[in-house]
Structure formats: structure tokens, C-alpha cells
Amino acid sequence: MTTESTISTPEKLPQNAERIMGAAIRLFAQKGYAATSVREIVQEAQVTNPMLYYYFDNKETLFERTLNHLMRYRHENVAAIVQSSVAFRSKLRALVELHFESLRENPYILQFIYAVLFGPRESRPDYDIRCEHDDTVDQVAEIFRQAQAASEFEPNTDDYKGLADRFIGLIGIELMRGLKTLEVLPESEAERYLDEMTGPDAVENLVDFFLNGAGRAR
């Protein structure tokens, strides 16, 4: 599990800018935007105040640009899965693996995004993250449409966006469960837990549950 204050981004950024973004993510996730000071961010990133202001006008700009980078990274990776030539079920597995990877590599990213999604809007700059979610739903809906057109999938509804929203929601539930479990696990047990929770069997089980359900009630 990553503990350094670094971040992967869709475009190559100067190392110090990446360190600043990574530090901001960690602190915003742990303390919230309003409770995090620029002084704490530069200390966490091990840079100077002038260095932060060289790349970002202020804390609000840092917040917005960091979210933009995270959302663009997700969008580009989901788009690559949608456009790939692999089978329908493999695309669903790839989507789950993409999201599970974020939990394994840097859970602070998820904590930060969920804080923006579910936290009070008054506690942070205005950012329409729901619009970003809707864009992802549209991307994933295309996977279901393609699968039906290729006779790889016979849905019980033609509401592709509804299917996509539910699939993403199921992944989100697993990610939130993982985050809450990591909060109480000793450090020595975290890696083993993550290996089990995000491993190939867990990915396959989640996809299978979504496609086949828990069973038929009598």
C-alpha cells in the first residue's frame, strides 16, 4: 500500500508538482479541505511555499487541478477499456481491477474523492463531481450496448445507463468497505487483506454477482 505523497497523473508533471498534489490528496482525505493549510501541504510535500505558488495560484486552484487530473486519469483509463477488443466479461473485470488498483496503490485518493462526493459542499470549493460520475456512467453504458449488439449479453432492460450506474455503484460499495476495514486493521494485516479483497477471485466474484445475482427467490 502506497504511503508516499505522490500521485499518478494522465500527463507528465514536474516532480515537485506531483509531490504537492500527492500531499494535498493525503491531507484533504485525512483532515478535509477547510482544515488543511498551505503550510501543512508544503511540509508534507517537502517543498517551499514559493514552490507551491509557482505551480498553483492558491489552495483552491490546487484542489481543482488535482481533482481534474484524477478525473481525467479515470476517464482515459475507462475509455481505453471501452475501446479495447476484449470480450464483454473481460471489460467488466478490467473496470473492477482499475478501481481496485486505486485502493491497493493509494487509498487516500479514494478517501479524497468520496469526501468530495459525500461531504458538505460548504466545506470545500465548488466542484461538480457528479458530472464526472455521469460521464463515467455514459462510458460504461457503452460497454453494455456493445455487448448486446455483439450478442455477448442479453440484458433484462434496455436502460444501459441504469446498468452502468448499478455496476459502478457495486464497485463503489466494495471500495468503501475496503477503506473502512483498512481504518481498523493493524498495518501488519493490511497488505494481506488488500491482496484478498482486490485479488482475481474477488474481481471475478463481483462481476459474477452483478451478472447472475444472488439467486432466485422462491
C-alpha atoms as a PDB file:
ATOM      1  CA  MET A   1       0.000   0.000   0.000  1.00  0.00           C
ATOM      2  CA  THR A   2       1.455   3.366  -1.001  1.00  0.00           C
ATOM      3  CA  THR A   3       2.294   5.780   1.790  1.00  0.00           C
ATOM      4  CA  GLU A   4       4.360   8.346  -0.101  1.00  0.00           C
ATOM      5  CA  SER A   5       2.817  11.668  -1.022  1.00  0.00           C
ATOM      6  CA  THR A   6       2.910  11.076  -4.773  1.00  0.00           C
ATOM      7  CA  ILE A   7       0.238  10.740  -7.413  1.00  0.00           C
ATOM      8  CA  SER A   8      -0.071   9.225 -10.884  1.00  0.00           C
ATOM      9  CA  THR A   9      -1.483  11.663 -13.411  1.00  0.00           C
ATOM     10  CA  PRO A  10      -2.593  11.361 -17.063  1.00  0.00           C
ATOM     11  CA  GLU A  11       0.099  13.728 -18.219  1.00  0.00           C
ATOM     12  CA  LYS A  12       3.680  14.000 -17.037  1.00  0.00           C
ATOM     13  CA  LEU A  13       4.033  16.745 -14.448  1.00  0.00           C
ATOM     14  CA  PRO A  14       7.158  18.146 -12.829  1.00  0.00           C
ATOM     15  CA  GLN A  15       8.142  16.037  -9.849  1.00  0.00           C
ATOM     16  CA  ASN A  16       7.512  18.830  -7.350  1.00  0.00           C
ATOM     17  CA  ALA A  17       4.002  19.446  -8.717  1.00  0.00           C
ATOM     18  CA  GLU A  18       3.231  15.734  -8.331  1.00  0.00           C
ATOM     19  CA  ARG A  19       4.552  15.786  -4.766  1.00  0.00           C
ATOM     20  CA  ILE A  20       2.376  18.785  -3.936  1.00  0.00           C
ATOM     21  CA  MET A  21      -0.720  17.128  -5.410  1.00  0.00           C
ATOM     22  CA  GLY A  22       0.022  13.902  -3.569  1.00  0.00           C
ATOM     23  CA  ALA A  23       0.461  15.731  -0.275  1.00  0.00           C
ATOM     24  CA  ALA A  24      -2.766  17.664  -0.820  1.00  0.00           C
ATOM     25  CA  ILE A  25      -4.696  14.459  -1.513  1.00  0.00           C
ATOM     26  CA  ARG A  26      -3.442  12.832   1.655  1.00  0.00           C
ATOM     27  CA  LEU A  27      -4.215  15.827   3.848  1.00  0.00           C
ATOM     28  CA  PHE A  28      -7.568  16.632   2.230  1.00  0.00           C
ATOM     29  CA  ALA A  29      -8.521  12.965   2.725  1.00  0.00           C
ATOM     30  CA  GLN A  30      -7.447  12.891   6.374  1.00  0.00           C
ATOM     31  CA  LYS A  31      -8.470  16.355   7.549  1.00  0.00           C
ATOM     32  CA  GLY A  32     -10.732  17.851   4.917  1.00  0.00           C
ATOM     33  CA  TYR A  33     -10.109  20.800   2.625  1.00  0.00           C
ATOM     34  CA  ALA A  34     -11.049  23.551   5.074  1.00  0.00           C
ATOM     35  CA  ALA A  35      -8.902  22.193   7.910  1.00  0.00           C
ATOM     36  CA  THR A  36      -5.793  21.787   5.754  1.00  0.00           C
ATOM     37  CA  SER A  37      -3.399  24.714   5.496  1.00  0.00           C
ATOM     38  CA  VAL A  38      -0.911  25.530   2.745  1.00  0.00           C
ATOM     39  CA  ARG A  39       1.834  25.284   5.380  1.00  0.00           C
ATOM     40  CA  GLU A  40       0.849  21.673   6.109  1.00  0.00           C
ATOM     41  CA  ILE A  41       0.784  20.802   2.406  1.00  0.00           C
ATOM     42  CA  VAL A  42       4.274  22.129   1.735  1.00  0.00           C
ATOM     43  CA  GLN A  43       5.612  20.383   4.829  1.00  0.00           C
ATOM     44  CA  GLU A  44       4.049  17.097   3.753  1.00  0.00           C
ATOM     45  CA  ALA A  45       5.394  17.517   0.196  1.00  0.00           C
ATOM     46  CA  GLN A  46       8.796  18.701   1.472  1.00  0.00           C
ATOM     47  CA  VAL A  47       8.768  21.772  -0.745  1.00  0.00           C
ATOM     48  CA  THR A  48       8.674  25.501  -0.079  1.00  0.00           C
ATOM     49  CA  ASN A  49       5.718  27.902  -0.161  1.00  0.00           C
ATOM     50  CA  PRO A  50       7.077  29.679  -3.271  1.00  0.00           C
ATOM     51  CA  MET A  51       7.332  26.286  -4.996  1.00  0.00           C
ATOM     52  CA  LEU A  52       3.631  25.591  -4.350  1.00  0.00           C
ATOM     53  CA  TYR A  53       2.602  29.022  -5.610  1.00  0.00           C
ATOM     54  CA  TYR A  54       4.805  28.566  -8.679  1.00  0.00           C
ATOM     55  CA  TYR A  55       2.597  25.674  -9.828  1.00  0.00           C
ATOM     56  CA  PHE A  56      -0.720  26.639  -8.233  1.00  0.00           C
ATOM     57  CA  ASP A  57      -2.187  30.080  -7.635  1.00  0.00           C
ATOM     58  CA  ASN A  58      -3.656  29.111  -4.262  1.00  0.00           C
ATOM     59  CA  LYS A  59      -5.110  26.207  -2.278  1.00  0.00           C
ATOM     60  CA  GLU A  60      -8.379  26.329  -4.198  1.00  0.00           C
ATOM     61  CA  THR A  61      -6.589  26.052  -7.544  1.00  0.00           C
ATOM     62  CA  LEU A  62      -4.583  23.134  -6.166  1.00  0.00           C
ATOM     63  CA  PHE A  63      -7.816  21.413  -5.108  1.00  0.00           C
ATOM     64  CA  GLU A  64      -9.467  21.916  -8.506  1.00  0.00           C
ATOM     65  CA  ARG A  65      -6.449  20.926 -10.611  1.00  0.00           C
ATOM     66  CA  THR A  66      -5.848  17.828  -8.507  1.00  0.00           C
ATOM     67  CA  LEU A  67      -9.434  16.673  -8.962  1.00  0.00           C
ATOM     68  CA  ASN A  68      -9.265  17.449 -12.683  1.00  0.00           C
ATOM     69  CA  HIS A  69      -6.172  15.279 -13.031  1.00  0.00           C
ATOM     70  CA  LEU A  70      -7.719  12.399 -11.095  1.00  0.00           C
ATOM     71  CA  MET A  71     -10.928  12.539 -13.106  1.00  0.00           C
ATOM     72  CA  ARG A  72      -9.059  12.753 -16.406  1.00  0.00           C
ATOM     73  CA  TYR A  73      -6.900   9.778 -15.416  1.00  0.00           C
ATOM     74  CA  ARG A  74     -10.025   7.758 -14.669  1.00  0.00           C
ATOM     75  CA  HIS A  75     -11.776   8.896 -17.855  1.00  0.00           C
ATOM     76  CA  GLU A  76      -8.819   7.941 -20.070  1.00  0.00           C
ATOM     77  CA  ASN A  77      -8.432   4.522 -18.469  1.00  0.00           C
ATOM     78  CA  VAL A  78     -12.146   3.735 -18.722  1.00  0.00           C
ATOM     79  CA  ALA A  79     -12.131   4.907 -22.352  1.00  0.00           C
ATOM     80  CA  ALA A  80      -9.258   2.509 -23.103  1.00  0.00           C
ATOM     81  CA  ILE A  81     -11.286  -0.362 -21.646  1.00  0.00           C
ATOM     82  CA  VAL A  82     -14.400   0.600 -23.641  1.00  0.00           C
ATOM     83  CA  GLN A  83     -12.402   0.788 -26.874  1.00  0.00           C
ATOM     84  CA  SER A  84     -10.478  -2.446 -26.316  1.00  0.00           C
ATOM     85  CA  SER A  85     -11.269  -5.540 -28.380  1.00  0.00           C
ATOM     86  CA  VAL A  86     -11.563  -7.947 -25.435  1.00  0.00           C
ATOM     87  CA  ALA A  87     -14.778  -9.774 -24.599  1.00  0.00           C
ATOM     88  CA  PHE A  88     -17.607  -8.206 -22.587  1.00  0.00           C
ATOM     89  CA  ARG A  89     -16.869 -10.031 -19.332  1.00  0.00           C
ATOM     90  CA  SER A  90     -13.177  -9.130 -19.615  1.00  0.00           C
ATOM     91  CA  LYS A  91     -14.115  -5.465 -19.932  1.00  0.00           C
ATOM     92  CA  LEU A  92     -16.158  -5.661 -16.739  1.00  0.00           C
ATOM     93  CA  ARG A  93     -13.243  -7.355 -14.964  1.00  0.00           C
ATOM     94  CA  ALA A  94     -10.893  -4.647 -16.222  1.00  0.00           C
ATOM     95  CA  LEU A  95     -13.181  -1.955 -14.818  1.00  0.00           C
ATOM     96  CA  VAL A  96     -13.219  -3.620 -11.412  1.00  0.00           C
ATOM     97  CA  GLU A  97      -9.430  -4.077 -11.481  1.00  0.00           C
ATOM     98  CA  LEU A  98      -8.949  -0.410 -12.394  1.00  0.00           C
ATOM     99  CA  HIS A  99     -10.876   0.721  -9.334  1.00  0.00           C
ATOM    100  CA  PHE A 100      -9.406  -1.913  -7.030  1.00  0.00           C
ATOM    101  CA  GLU A 101      -5.934  -0.785  -8.085  1.00  0.00           C
ATOM    102  CA  SER A 102      -6.622   2.651  -6.619  1.00  0.00           C
ATOM    103  CA  LEU A 103      -7.444   1.060  -3.270  1.00  0.00           C
ATOM    104  CA  ARG A 104      -4.255  -1.005  -3.331  1.00  0.00           C
ATOM    105  CA  GLU A 105      -1.919   1.736  -4.508  1.00  0.00           C
ATOM    106  CA  ASN A 106      -3.194   4.877  -2.797  1.00  0.00           C
ATOM    107  CA  PRO A 107      -6.357   4.662  -0.659  1.00  0.00           C
ATOM    108  CA  TYR A 108      -6.055   8.377   0.118  1.00  0.00           C
ATOM    109  CA  ILE A 109      -7.201   9.094  -3.442  1.00  0.00           C
ATOM    110  CA  LEU A 110     -10.458   7.262  -2.788  1.00  0.00           C
ATOM    111  CA  GLN A 111     -10.913   8.934   0.586  1.00  0.00           C
ATOM    112  CA  PHE A 112     -10.415  12.312  -1.069  1.00  0.00           C
ATOM    113  CA  ILE A 113     -12.888  11.609  -3.876  1.00  0.00           C
ATOM    114  CA  TYR A 114     -15.534  10.223  -1.514  1.00  0.00           C
ATOM    115  CA  ALA A 115     -15.110  13.244   0.747  1.00  0.00           C
ATOM    116  CA  VAL A 116     -15.877  15.458  -2.242  1.00  0.00           C
ATOM    117  CA  LEU A 117     -18.798  13.252  -3.296  1.00  0.00           C
ATOM    118  CA  PHE A 118     -20.465  12.922   0.080  1.00  0.00           C
ATOM    119  CA  GLY A 119     -19.074  15.722   2.234  1.00  0.00           C
ATOM    120  CA  PRO A 120     -20.820  19.076   2.762  1.00  0.00           C
ATOM    121  CA  ARG A 121     -20.341  21.393  -0.203  1.00  0.00           C
ATOM    122  CA  GLU A 122     -19.830  24.341   2.132  1.00  0.00           C
ATOM    123  CA  SER A 123     -16.569  22.810   3.385  1.00  0.00           C
ATOM    124  CA  ARG A 124     -14.756  22.942   0.033  1.00  0.00           C
ATOM    125  CA  PRO A 125     -14.606  24.843  -3.268  1.00  0.00           C
ATOM    126  CA  ASP A 126     -17.483  24.204  -5.638  1.00  0.00           C
ATOM    127  CA  TYR A 127     -16.733  21.249  -7.921  1.00  0.00           C
ATOM    128  CA  ASP A 128     -19.375  19.318  -9.860  1.00  0.00           C
ATOM    129  CA  ILE A 129     -18.006  15.825  -9.284  1.00  0.00           C
ATOM    130  CA  ARG A 130     -21.420  14.304 -10.018  1.00  0.00           C
ATOM    131  CA  CYS A 131     -20.988  15.461 -13.610  1.00  0.00           C
ATOM    132  CA  GLU A 132     -17.731  13.476 -13.735  1.00  0.00           C
ATOM    133  CA  HIS A 133     -19.586  10.437 -12.386  1.00  0.00           C
ATOM    134  CA  ASP A 134     -22.262  10.830 -15.052  1.00  0.00           C
ATOM    135  CA  ASP A 135     -19.563  10.888 -17.742  1.00  0.00           C
ATOM    136  CA  THR A 136     -18.207   7.588 -16.426  1.00  0.00           C
ATOM    137  CA  VAL A 137     -21.705   6.103 -16.427  1.00  0.00           C
ATOM    138  CA  ASP A 138     -22.058   7.084 -20.088  1.00  0.00           C
ATOM    139  CA  GLN A 139     -18.729   5.397 -20.884  1.00  0.00           C
ATOM    140  CA  VAL A 140     -19.623   2.168 -19.098  1.00  0.00           C
ATOM    141  CA  ALA A 141     -23.116   2.149 -20.622  1.00  0.00           C
ATOM    142  CA  GLU A 142     -21.400   1.832 -23.995  1.00  0.00           C
ATOM    143  CA  ILE A 143     -19.866  -1.469 -22.852  1.00  0.00           C
ATOM    144  CA  PHE A 144     -23.334  -2.902 -22.207  1.00  0.00           C
ATOM    145  CA  ARG A 145     -24.627  -1.560 -25.518  1.00  0.00           C
ATOM    146  CA  GLN A 146     -21.687  -3.085 -27.400  1.00  0.00           C
ATOM    147  CA  ALA A 147     -22.145  -6.413 -25.634  1.00  0.00           C
ATOM    148  CA  GLN A 148     -25.807  -6.670 -26.571  1.00  0.00           C
ATOM    149  CA  ALA A 149     -25.070  -5.689 -30.171  1.00  0.00           C
ATOM    150  CA  ALA A 150     -22.406  -8.418 -30.333  1.00  0.00           C
ATOM    151  CA  SER A 151     -24.763 -10.990 -28.733  1.00  0.00           C
ATOM    152  CA  GLU A 152     -22.394 -11.318 -25.767  1.00  0.00           C
ATOM    153  CA  PHE A 153     -25.010 -10.154 -23.295  1.00  0.00           C
ATOM    154  CA  GLU A 154     -28.787 -10.307 -23.073  1.00  0.00           C
ATOM    155  CA  PRO A 155     -29.920  -7.630 -20.613  1.00  0.00           C
ATOM    156  CA  ASN A 156     -33.292  -7.641 -18.915  1.00  0.00           C
ATOM    157  CA  THR A 157     -33.595  -3.923 -19.690  1.00  0.00           C
ATOM    158  CA  ASP A 158     -32.557  -1.557 -22.440  1.00  0.00           C
ATOM    159  CA  ASP A 159     -31.558   1.041 -19.845  1.00  0.00           C
ATOM    160  CA  TYR A 160     -27.809   0.801 -20.436  1.00  0.00           C
ATOM    161  CA  LYS A 161     -27.102   3.805 -18.242  1.00  0.00           C
ATOM    162  CA  GLY A 162     -29.040   2.243 -15.398  1.00  0.00           C
ATOM    163  CA  LEU A 163     -26.999  -0.953 -15.728  1.00  0.00           C
ATOM    164  CA  ALA A 164     -23.765   1.041 -15.785  1.00  0.00           C
ATOM    165  CA  ASP A 165     -24.758   3.093 -12.761  1.00  0.00           C
ATOM    166  CA  ARG A 166     -25.559  -0.042 -10.761  1.00  0.00           C
ATOM    167  CA  PHE A 167     -22.318  -1.739 -11.757  1.00  0.00           C
ATOM    168  CA  ILE A 168     -20.249   1.294 -10.764  1.00  0.00           C
ATOM    169  CA  GLY A 169     -22.252   1.505  -7.554  1.00  0.00           C
ATOM    170  CA  LEU A 170     -21.465  -2.115  -6.714  1.00  0.00           C
ATOM    171  CA  ILE A 171     -17.756  -1.426  -7.202  1.00  0.00           C
ATOM    172  CA  GLY A 172     -18.085   1.671  -5.021  1.00  0.00           C
ATOM    173  CA  ILE A 173     -19.639  -0.321  -2.180  1.00  0.00           C
ATOM    174  CA  GLU A 174     -16.687  -2.711  -2.206  1.00  0.00           C
ATOM    175  CA  LEU A 175     -14.215   0.176  -2.226  1.00  0.00           C
ATOM    176  CA  MET A 176     -15.907   1.890   0.720  1.00  0.00           C
ATOM    177  CA  ARG A 177     -15.999  -1.383   2.630  1.00  0.00           C
ATOM    178  CA  GLY A 178     -12.291  -1.785   1.969  1.00  0.00           C
ATOM    179  CA  LEU A 179     -11.489   1.735   3.128  1.00  0.00           C
ATOM    180  CA  LYS A 180     -13.398   1.336   6.385  1.00  0.00           C
ATOM    181  CA  THR A 181     -11.746  -2.020   7.061  1.00  0.00           C
ATOM    182  CA  LEU A 182      -8.277  -0.570   6.474  1.00  0.00           C
ATOM    183  CA  GLU A 183      -9.012   2.093   9.088  1.00  0.00           C
ATOM    184  CA  VAL A 184      -9.183  -0.508  11.870  1.00  0.00           C
ATOM    185  CA  LEU A 185      -6.724  -3.138  10.633  1.00  0.00           C
ATOM    186  CA  PRO A 186      -3.198  -3.245  12.046  1.00  0.00           C
ATOM    187  CA  GLU A 187      -0.575  -2.242   9.461  1.00  0.00           C
ATOM    188  CA  SER A 188       0.796  -5.789   9.533  1.00  0.00           C
ATOM    189  CA  GLU A 189      -2.533  -7.178   8.262  1.00  0.00           C
ATOM    190  CA  ALA A 190      -3.376  -4.519   5.676  1.00  0.00           C
ATOM    191  CA  GLU A 191      -1.380  -5.966   2.800  1.00  0.00           C
ATOM    192  CA  ARG A 192      -2.812  -9.462   3.200  1.00  0.00           C
ATOM    193  CA  TYR A 193      -6.334  -8.040   3.397  1.00  0.00           C
ATOM    194  CA  LEU A 194      -5.833  -5.993   0.233  1.00  0.00           C
ATOM    195  CA  ASP A 195      -4.443  -9.000  -1.628  1.00  0.00           C
ATOM    196  CA  GLU A 196      -7.576 -10.979  -0.768  1.00  0.00           C
ATOM    197  CA  MET A 197     -10.087  -8.186  -1.260  1.00  0.00           C
ATOM    198  CA  THR A 198      -8.749  -6.998  -4.610  1.00  0.00           C
ATOM    199  CA  GLY A 199      -7.344 -10.249  -5.994  1.00  0.00           C
ATOM    200  CA  PRO A 200      -8.504 -12.153  -9.115  1.00  0.00           C
ATOM    201  CA  ASP A 201     -11.089 -14.212  -7.215  1.00  0.00           C
ATOM    202  CA  ALA A 202     -12.645 -11.088  -5.685  1.00  0.00           C
ATOM    203  CA  VAL A 203     -12.806  -9.417  -9.103  1.00  0.00           C
ATOM    204  CA  GLU A 204     -14.431 -12.483 -10.682  1.00  0.00           C
ATOM    205  CA  ASN A 205     -16.908 -12.850  -7.821  1.00  0.00           C
ATOM    206  CA  LEU A 206     -18.035  -9.233  -8.096  1.00  0.00           C
ATOM    207  CA  VAL A 207     -18.578  -9.493 -11.870  1.00  0.00           C
ATOM    208  CA  ASP A 208     -20.372 -12.819 -11.448  1.00  0.00           C
ATOM    209  CA  PHE A 209     -22.631 -11.437  -8.731  1.00  0.00           C
ATOM    210  CA  PHE A 210     -23.606  -8.476 -10.898  1.00  0.00           C
ATOM    211  CA  LEU A 211     -24.357 -10.581 -13.969  1.00  0.00           C
ATOM    212  CA  ASN A 212     -26.039 -13.528 -12.229  1.00  0.00           C
ATOM    213  CA  GLY A 213     -27.345 -12.108  -8.969  1.00  0.00           C
ATOM    214  CA  ALA A 214     -27.505 -13.773  -5.575  1.00  0.00           C
ATOM    215  CA  GLY A 215     -30.036 -16.387  -6.700  1.00  0.00           C
ATOM    216  CA  ARG A 216     -33.722 -16.800  -7.420  1.00  0.00           C
ATOM    217  CA  ALA A 217     -36.215 -16.226  -4.587  1.00  0.00           C
ATOM    218  CA  ARG A 218     -38.992 -18.776  -4.101  1.00  0.00           C
END
